[in-house]
């Protein structure tokens, strides 16, 4: 099976993405890595202003440790000739595309040249349109670090930790027009220790999701049908507002902890 893998640099997923890529050696034919500061997303300053207005200062440590610092270190590693994923892709002669617009002509050309059977989204922050998905005969699948249909959206581990008890897990689903609402192919509950931060939970769940993705891809490659579920999507969970973050902190539910600083510095981005 030929797979086009789409992802982004982050402390949340870099380790899992590298492990997944290595485990699918010989099957990945293209890697698309999102440009988080792309103009279409408002650039770095525009995104910062949006997050500040919506979530206040409490969201900033999460963004810094999960994305900003790991991405800066990744760019530095690439400038110095390093970067774990970049080096692996180069060694395997796999094109690595920096994706400013996933539905743009550059992405479509890269996909047509790579001729993937399947598009795999693994912590990717852009929305595929039908024309791009149609390039791959088997369409696209996405790993979501939550138990869909609950906790659709960009920060699902925060919403999962608010439940009593916290409801962590991972879901593999088909990519559809509605965000995180495609047919569910596999799902697994993952109990995590009390006090786990949202960032740590996301990192652990992406690591747990590697096995889920590998199992599903092996079944698809054999031609075995996967059990499909179509529950009605529950309400979308956006980035949390300031008042909710403040309330969660009072309950001991935190976006980041000290372990996330270490993860930000050591994540194999680049």
Protein backbone atom coordinates (compact mmCIF):
# COMPACT_ATOMS: atom_id res chain seq x y z
CA UNK A 1 0.00 0.00 0.00
CA UNK A 2 1.24 3.49 -0.89
CA UNK A 3 0.61 6.10 1.82
CA UNK A 4 0.84 9.90 1.87
CA UNK A 5 1.42 10.99 5.48
CA UNK A 6 0.39 14.50 6.55
CA UNK A 7 1.51 15.89 9.91
CA UNK A 8 3.03 18.91 11.66
CA UNK A 9 6.01 19.57 13.94
CA UNK A 10 5.05 19.52 17.61
CA UNK A 11 6.06 18.13 20.96
CA UNK A 12 2.64 16.46 21.04
CA UNK A 13 3.24 14.18 18.07
CA UNK A 14 6.85 14.25 16.82
CA UNK A 15 7.93 11.07 18.61
CA UNK A 16 4.83 9.18 17.49
CA UNK A 17 5.12 10.40 13.88
CA UNK A 18 8.73 9.26 13.66
CA UNK A 19 7.86 5.83 15.09
CA UNK A 20 4.91 5.51 12.72
CA UNK A 21 6.97 6.51 9.68
CA UNK A 22 9.67 3.99 10.52
CA UNK A 23 7.11 1.24 11.07
CA UNK A 24 5.58 1.94 7.65
CA UNK A 25 8.95 1.83 5.91
CA UNK A 26 8.44 1.05 2.23
CA UNK A 27 4.82 2.18 2.24
CA UNK A 28 5.12 5.95 2.70
CA UNK A 29 5.57 7.71 -0.63
CA UNK A 30 5.06 11.34 0.46
CA UNK A 31 5.24 13.31 3.70
CA UNK A 32 3.38 16.60 3.93
CA UNK A 33 4.33 18.80 6.88
CA UNK A 34 2.07 21.74 7.69
CA UNK A 35 3.39 25.28 7.83
CA UNK A 36 1.71 26.50 11.05
CA UNK A 37 2.45 30.15 10.32
CA UNK A 38 0.98 30.13 6.81
CA UNK A 39 -0.73 33.34 5.68
CA UNK A 40 -4.06 31.56 5.25
CA UNK A 41 -4.04 30.86 9.00
CA UNK A 42 -3.25 34.46 9.86
CA UNK A 43 0.48 34.07 10.35
CA UNK A 44 2.12 33.77 13.75
CA UNK A 45 0.99 37.14 15.11
CA UNK A 46 -2.54 36.78 13.80
CA UNK A 47 -2.92 33.39 15.47
CA UNK A 48 -1.50 34.74 18.73
CA UNK A 49 -4.06 37.56 18.75
CA UNK A 50 -6.92 35.12 18.12
CA UNK A 51 -5.82 32.79 20.90
CA UNK A 52 -5.39 35.71 23.32
CA UNK A 53 -8.87 37.11 22.60
CA UNK A 54 -10.48 33.68 22.88
CA UNK A 55 -8.57 31.98 25.68
CA UNK A 56 -6.48 34.60 27.48
CA UNK A 57 -2.97 34.14 28.82
CA UNK A 58 -3.56 30.61 30.16
CA UNK A 59 -3.40 29.12 26.66
CA UNK A 60 0.04 30.60 25.97
CA UNK A 61 2.22 28.07 27.90
CA UNK A 62 0.43 25.25 26.07
CA UNK A 63 1.09 26.83 22.68
CA UNK A 64 4.69 27.66 23.57
CA UNK A 65 5.63 24.18 24.82
CA UNK A 66 3.55 22.16 22.38
CA UNK A 67 4.26 24.09 19.19
CA UNK A 68 6.30 27.29 19.20
CA UNK A 69 9.45 26.06 20.94
CA UNK A 70 9.55 22.60 19.30
CA UNK A 71 8.97 24.13 15.87
CA UNK A 72 11.74 26.70 16.40
CA UNK A 73 14.12 23.92 17.43
CA UNK A 74 13.02 21.90 14.41
CA UNK A 75 13.80 24.76 12.02
CA UNK A 76 17.20 25.18 13.69
CA UNK A 77 17.95 21.47 13.31
CA UNK A 78 17.00 21.56 9.62
CA UNK A 79 19.17 24.63 9.06
CA UNK A 80 22.08 22.68 10.58
CA UNK A 81 21.41 19.67 8.36
CA UNK A 82 19.53 17.68 11.01
CA UNK A 83 15.95 17.00 11.93
CA UNK A 84 14.94 13.39 12.57
CA UNK A 85 11.97 13.18 10.20
CA UNK A 86 13.73 15.18 7.48
CA UNK A 87 16.80 12.97 7.68
CA UNK A 88 14.71 9.81 7.63
CA UNK A 89 12.72 10.97 4.61
CA UNK A 90 15.91 11.92 2.78
CA UNK A 91 17.50 8.55 3.55
CA UNK A 92 14.40 6.77 2.24
CA UNK A 93 14.17 9.11 -0.77
CA UNK A 94 10.67 10.16 0.22
CA UNK A 95 9.59 13.67 -0.85
CA UNK A 96 8.89 15.91 2.15
CA UNK A 97 6.59 18.77 1.25
CA UNK A 98 6.16 21.87 3.41
CA UNK A 99 2.41 22.45 3.10
CA UNK A 100 1.22 26.04 3.09
CA UNK A 101 -2.16 25.12 1.55
CA UNK A 102 -3.21 21.49 1.57
CA UNK A 103 -5.81 22.09 -1.14
CA UNK A 104 -3.47 24.14 -3.30
CA UNK A 105 -1.96 23.16 -6.63
CA UNK A 106 1.47 22.31 -5.14
CA UNK A 107 -0.07 19.67 -2.88
CA UNK A 108 -2.21 18.21 -5.66
CA UNK A 109 0.82 17.96 -7.94
CA UNK A 110 2.87 16.27 -5.23
CA UNK A 111 0.08 13.78 -4.58
CA UNK A 112 -0.38 13.01 -8.25
CA UNK A 113 3.35 12.39 -8.59
CA UNK A 114 3.44 10.16 -5.49
CA UNK A 115 0.31 8.19 -6.48
CA UNK A 116 -0.77 7.20 -2.96
CA UNK A 117 -3.51 4.65 -2.34
CA UNK A 118 -4.34 6.30 0.99
CA UNK A 119 -3.94 9.70 2.67
CA UNK A 120 -3.11 9.47 6.38
CA UNK A 121 -3.54 12.52 8.61
CA UNK A 122 -1.67 12.24 11.91
CA UNK A 123 -1.85 15.51 13.87
CA UNK A 124 -2.34 17.72 10.82
CA UNK A 125 -4.01 21.11 11.21
CA UNK A 126 -5.48 21.70 7.75
CA UNK A 127 -8.77 20.52 6.24
CA UNK A 128 -8.67 18.36 3.10
CA UNK A 129 -11.20 19.08 0.38
CA UNK A 130 -12.84 16.38 -1.73
CA UNK A 131 -10.62 17.04 -4.77
CA UNK A 132 -7.44 16.32 -2.82
CA UNK A 133 -8.89 13.24 -1.12
CA UNK A 134 -9.99 11.93 -4.51
CA UNK A 135 -6.36 11.69 -5.64
CA UNK A 136 -5.99 8.66 -3.37
CA UNK A 137 -8.30 5.78 -4.40
CA UNK A 138 -8.88 4.81 -0.75
CA UNK A 139 -9.48 8.40 0.39
CA UNK A 140 -8.17 9.62 3.73
CA UNK A 141 -8.12 8.56 7.37
CA UNK A 142 -7.26 10.59 10.46
CA UNK A 143 -6.11 9.78 13.98
CA UNK A 144 -7.87 11.86 16.64
CA UNK A 145 -6.66 11.82 20.28
CA UNK A 146 -10.13 11.44 21.79
CA UNK A 147 -13.06 9.03 21.94
CA UNK A 148 -15.19 10.26 19.07
CA UNK A 149 -17.94 11.26 18.70
CA UNK A 150 -17.03 13.06 21.94
CA UNK A 151 -14.48 15.86 22.00
CA UNK A 152 -14.35 16.87 18.36
CA UNK A 153 -11.99 19.79 17.81
CA UNK A 154 -8.41 21.08 18.20
CA UNK A 155 -7.78 20.47 21.93
CA UNK A 156 -9.69 17.29 22.75
CA UNK A 157 -7.60 16.18 25.72
CA UNK A 158 -8.58 19.31 27.64
CA UNK A 159 -12.28 18.52 27.23
CA UNK A 160 -11.67 14.84 28.04
CA UNK A 161 -9.95 15.72 31.31
CA UNK A 162 -12.95 17.78 32.43
CA UNK A 163 -15.14 14.70 32.61
CA UNK A 164 -15.53 12.74 35.84
CA UNK A 165 -13.60 10.54 35.55
CA UNK A 166 -11.48 11.83 32.64
CA UNK A 167 -12.38 10.05 29.38
CA UNK A 168 -9.16 9.71 27.38
CA UNK A 169 -8.75 7.63 24.23
CA UNK A 170 -7.92 7.57 20.52
CA UNK A 171 -10.05 7.16 17.41
CA UNK A 172 -9.21 6.39 13.79
CA UNK A 173 -11.82 7.68 11.38
CA UNK A 174 -12.35 8.47 7.73
CA UNK A 175 -11.82 12.09 6.74
CA UNK A 176 -15.10 13.82 5.94
CA UNK A 177 -16.25 17.34 5.17
CA UNK A 178 -17.36 17.89 8.78
CA UNK A 179 -14.43 18.11 11.20
CA UNK A 180 -13.75 14.89 13.16
CA UNK A 181 -17.09 13.50 12.05
CA UNK A 182 -16.18 10.81 9.51
CA UNK A 183 -16.97 7.12 9.85
CA UNK A 184 -15.22 5.61 12.86
CA UNK A 185 -12.90 2.72 11.98
CA UNK A 186 -11.28 1.95 15.34
CA UNK A 187 -11.42 3.35 18.84
CA UNK A 188 -9.60 2.63 22.08
CA UNK A 189 -10.02 4.00 25.60
CA UNK A 190 -6.70 4.81 27.27
CA UNK A 191 -6.62 5.34 31.06
CA UNK A 192 -4.00 7.89 32.12
CA UNK A 193 -2.67 8.77 35.60
CA UNK A 194 -4.56 11.37 37.63
CA UNK A 195 -3.17 14.86 37.14
CA UNK A 196 -1.95 14.23 33.59
CA UNK A 197 -1.80 17.55 31.74
CA UNK A 198 -3.64 18.08 28.46
CA UNK A 199 -0.34 18.31 26.57
CA UNK A 200 1.07 15.13 28.11
CA UNK A 201 -2.20 13.33 27.46
CA UNK A 202 -2.08 14.34 23.79
CA UNK A 203 1.50 13.09 23.51
CA UNK A 204 0.71 9.74 25.14
CA UNK A 205 -2.43 9.28 23.07
CA UNK A 206 -0.63 9.90 19.79
CA UNK A 207 1.94 7.31 20.82
CA UNK A 208 -0.90 4.91 21.64
CA UNK A 209 -2.46 5.68 18.27
CA UNK A 210 0.52 4.37 16.32
CA UNK A 211 -0.52 0.77 16.96
CA UNK A 212 -4.12 1.57 16.04
CA UNK A 213 -3.05 3.08 12.71
CA UNK A 214 -0.65 0.24 11.90
CA UNK A 215 -3.31 -2.38 12.58
CA UNK A 216 -5.86 -0.61 10.40
CA UNK A 217 -3.43 -0.12 7.53
CA UNK A 218 -2.40 -3.78 7.66
CA UNK A 219 -6.07 -4.78 7.42
CA UNK A 220 -6.71 -2.41 4.52
CA UNK A 221 -3.63 -3.70 2.70
CA UNK A 222 -4.97 -7.26 3.04
CA UNK A 223 -8.32 -6.13 1.71
CA UNK A 224 -10.02 -6.89 5.01
CA UNK A 225 -12.98 -4.65 5.77
CA UNK A 226 -12.78 -2.59 8.94
CA UNK A 227 -15.81 -2.38 11.22
CA UNK A 228 -17.42 1.00 10.62
CA UNK A 229 -19.50 3.04 13.04
CA UNK A 230 -21.54 6.11 12.17
CA UNK A 231 -22.70 7.69 15.43
CA UNK A 232 -24.26 11.13 15.26
CA UNK A 233 -21.46 13.71 15.78
CA UNK A 234 -21.65 15.51 19.12
CA UNK A 235 -21.09 19.26 19.45
CA UNK A 236 -17.74 20.67 18.36
CA UNK A 237 -15.29 21.46 21.21
CA UNK A 238 -13.31 24.61 20.30
CA UNK A 239 -10.30 26.13 22.03
CA UNK A 240 -11.55 26.76 25.58
CA UNK A 241 -12.56 30.25 26.72
CA UNK A 242 -10.77 32.06 29.55
CA UNK A 243 -13.38 31.37 32.22
CA UNK A 244 -13.33 27.62 31.55
CA UNK A 245 -9.53 27.47 31.71
CA UNK A 246 -9.62 29.33 35.02
CA UNK A 247 -12.26 26.96 36.40
CA UNK A 248 -10.31 23.90 35.22
CA UNK A 249 -7.14 25.13 36.91
CA UNK A 250 -8.99 25.47 40.21
CA UNK A 251 -9.97 21.80 39.86
CA UNK A 252 -6.38 20.74 39.21
CA UNK A 253 -6.89 20.26 35.46
CA UNK A 254 -3.92 21.88 33.71
CA UNK A 255 -2.93 22.36 30.09
CA UNK A 256 0.79 21.82 30.76
CA UNK A 257 3.12 20.58 33.50
CA UNK A 258 6.86 20.39 34.04
CA UNK A 259 7.13 17.20 31.97
CA UNK A 260 5.91 19.17 28.97
CA UNK A 261 8.88 21.53 29.17
CA UNK A 262 11.24 18.57 28.88
CA UNK A 263 9.17 17.18 25.99
CA UNK A 264 9.33 20.53 24.18
CA UNK A 265 13.13 20.58 24.38
CA UNK A 266 13.69 16.93 23.40
CA UNK A 267 10.94 16.23 20.85
CA UNK A 268 12.52 14.98 17.58
CA UNK A 269 11.14 17.83 15.46
CA UNK A 270 12.77 18.99 12.26
